[in-house]
């Protein structure tokens, strides 16, 4: 049943370096990877994410601006935890969000092609296999 299914979903820190841009070899077209990335809807979610991460890491979460802010599951950004440091958005239209355990779980944006670990949300095996699938392309 639905309740049992949702209790198996968790946040996972995947300590493998990858970018959020997938460039398909056939077309050369890049698109951002959004499957299974963590969406953080509350302070409780944010704390759960931080509890999964080693203390000095930046990691991708499912936060995007292209050109409007949204989560990878299509939902709007209601809860936020922005870092107070300068967040240079510049002229990049598509930028991707990271969280930092070293900065109290606060978020900032980086170019999507930066290689970083991930925080994903889902059943344990699915997070890992979707990461490997995208980064082997």
Protein backbone atom coordinates (compact mmCIF):
# COMPACT_ATOMS: atom_id res chain seq x y z
CA UNK A 1 0.00 0.00 0.00
CA UNK A 2 0.91 3.67 -0.42
CA UNK A 3 1.90 4.32 3.21
CA UNK A 4 4.28 1.36 3.28
CA UNK A 5 5.83 2.45 -0.02
CA UNK A 6 6.49 6.03 1.10
CA UNK A 7 8.14 4.87 4.33
CA UNK A 8 10.87 3.17 2.26
CA UNK A 9 11.80 6.42 0.51
CA UNK A 10 14.78 8.25 2.03
CA UNK A 11 17.47 10.80 1.31
CA UNK A 12 20.80 9.29 0.26
CA UNK A 13 24.21 10.86 -0.19
CA UNK A 14 25.93 9.38 -3.28
CA UNK A 15 29.64 10.07 -2.93
CA UNK A 16 30.53 9.82 -6.60
CA UNK A 17 31.47 12.85 -8.68
CA UNK A 18 29.07 13.72 -11.47
CA UNK A 19 27.68 16.72 -13.30
CA UNK A 20 24.00 17.46 -13.84
CA UNK A 21 24.45 17.87 -17.59
CA UNK A 22 23.95 14.89 -19.82
CA UNK A 23 25.28 15.46 -23.33
CA UNK A 24 23.91 12.85 -25.67
CA UNK A 25 26.63 11.57 -27.98
CA UNK A 26 24.30 11.33 -30.99
CA UNK A 27 22.95 14.88 -30.92
CA UNK A 28 25.42 16.84 -28.81
CA UNK A 29 22.39 18.35 -27.03
CA UNK A 30 22.80 18.78 -23.31
CA UNK A 31 19.99 18.47 -20.82
CA UNK A 32 19.95 18.61 -17.06
CA UNK A 33 19.55 15.42 -15.05
CA UNK A 34 16.61 15.63 -12.68
CA UNK A 35 15.60 12.09 -11.81
CA UNK A 36 15.71 11.17 -8.11
CA UNK A 37 17.47 14.35 -6.97
CA UNK A 38 16.47 15.48 -3.46
CA UNK A 39 13.67 18.01 -3.18
CA UNK A 40 13.72 19.82 0.16
CA UNK A 41 10.28 21.04 1.23
CA UNK A 42 10.87 21.82 4.93
CA UNK A 43 13.46 22.40 7.61
CA UNK A 44 12.96 18.74 8.65
CA UNK A 45 13.85 17.61 5.10
CA UNK A 46 16.89 19.88 5.16
CA UNK A 47 18.08 18.38 8.45
CA UNK A 48 17.58 14.84 7.11
CA UNK A 49 19.70 15.68 4.06
CA UNK A 50 22.48 17.11 6.25
CA UNK A 51 22.46 14.02 8.45
CA UNK A 52 23.38 11.95 5.36
CA UNK A 53 26.33 14.12 4.34
CA UNK A 54 29.98 14.15 5.46
CA UNK A 55 30.89 17.46 7.07
CA UNK A 56 32.86 19.26 4.36
CA UNK A 57 30.94 18.55 1.19
CA UNK A 58 28.92 20.38 -1.38
CA UNK A 59 26.38 18.10 -3.07
CA UNK A 60 23.77 18.46 -5.81
CA UNK A 61 20.12 18.71 -4.81
CA UNK A 62 17.14 18.93 -7.17
CA UNK A 63 17.03 22.74 -7.28
CA UNK A 64 17.16 24.45 -10.68
CA UNK A 65 16.80 27.85 -12.28
CA UNK A 66 15.96 27.75 -16.00
CA UNK A 67 15.01 30.66 -15.91
CA UNK A 68 12.60 30.28 -12.94
CA UNK A 69 13.31 28.49 -9.67
CA UNK A 70 11.80 25.01 -9.40
CA UNK A 71 12.42 21.57 -7.93
CA UNK A 72 13.30 18.61 -10.11
CA UNK A 73 9.87 17.05 -9.50
CA UNK A 74 8.27 20.16 -11.01
CA UNK A 75 7.05 21.63 -7.70
CA UNK A 76 7.60 25.25 -6.79
CA UNK A 77 10.20 26.39 -4.28
CA UNK A 78 8.40 27.32 -1.05
CA UNK A 79 10.91 26.50 1.71
CA UNK A 80 14.39 27.98 1.13
CA UNK A 81 17.73 27.86 2.95
CA UNK A 82 19.96 30.25 1.00
CA UNK A 83 23.58 30.75 1.95
CA UNK A 84 24.52 34.29 2.95
CA UNK A 85 27.69 34.20 0.85
CA UNK A 86 27.72 35.80 -2.57
CA UNK A 87 25.77 33.65 -5.03
CA UNK A 88 27.00 34.77 -8.47
CA UNK A 89 24.18 33.88 -10.87
CA UNK A 90 25.68 35.87 -13.72
CA UNK A 91 24.36 35.36 -17.23
CA UNK A 92 23.87 31.59 -16.91
CA UNK A 93 20.25 30.75 -17.64
CA UNK A 94 20.39 27.19 -16.36
CA UNK A 95 22.03 26.81 -12.97
CA UNK A 96 21.81 23.98 -10.47
CA UNK A 97 21.49 24.01 -6.69
CA UNK A 98 23.91 22.58 -4.13
CA UNK A 99 23.68 22.17 -0.39
CA UNK A 100 26.67 22.43 1.92
CA UNK A 101 27.09 20.50 5.15
CA UNK A 102 29.97 22.81 6.05
CA UNK A 103 27.62 25.79 5.78
CA UNK A 104 24.75 24.54 7.98
CA UNK A 105 22.87 22.97 5.09
CA UNK A 106 22.51 26.25 3.22
CA UNK A 107 22.12 26.32 -0.56
CA UNK A 108 23.70 28.13 -3.45
CA UNK A 109 23.86 27.76 -7.23
CA UNK A 110 26.72 26.47 -9.36
CA UNK A 111 27.13 25.75 -13.09
CA UNK A 112 25.43 22.40 -13.77
CA UNK A 113 28.56 20.94 -15.39
CA UNK A 114 30.50 21.09 -12.09
CA UNK A 115 31.31 17.56 -10.88
CA UNK A 116 30.03 16.95 -7.35
CA UNK A 117 28.42 14.21 -5.26
CA UNK A 118 24.60 14.00 -5.13
CA UNK A 119 21.81 13.86 -2.61
CA UNK A 120 18.95 11.86 -3.98
CA UNK A 121 15.55 10.79 -2.71
CA UNK A 122 13.93 7.46 -3.40
CA UNK A 123 14.17 3.74 -2.71
CA UNK A 124 17.78 2.78 -1.83
CA UNK A 125 18.72 0.91 -5.02
CA UNK A 126 17.04 3.31 -7.44
CA UNK A 127 19.09 6.33 -6.38
CA UNK A 128 22.36 4.57 -7.03
CA UNK A 129 21.36 2.92 -10.31
CA UNK A 130 19.98 6.14 -11.85
CA UNK A 131 23.23 7.91 -10.94
CA UNK A 132 25.34 5.20 -12.57
CA UNK A 133 23.11 5.13 -15.64
CA UNK A 134 23.40 8.87 -16.29
CA UNK A 135 27.09 9.17 -15.56
CA UNK A 136 28.11 6.26 -17.76
CA UNK A 137 26.70 7.99 -20.87
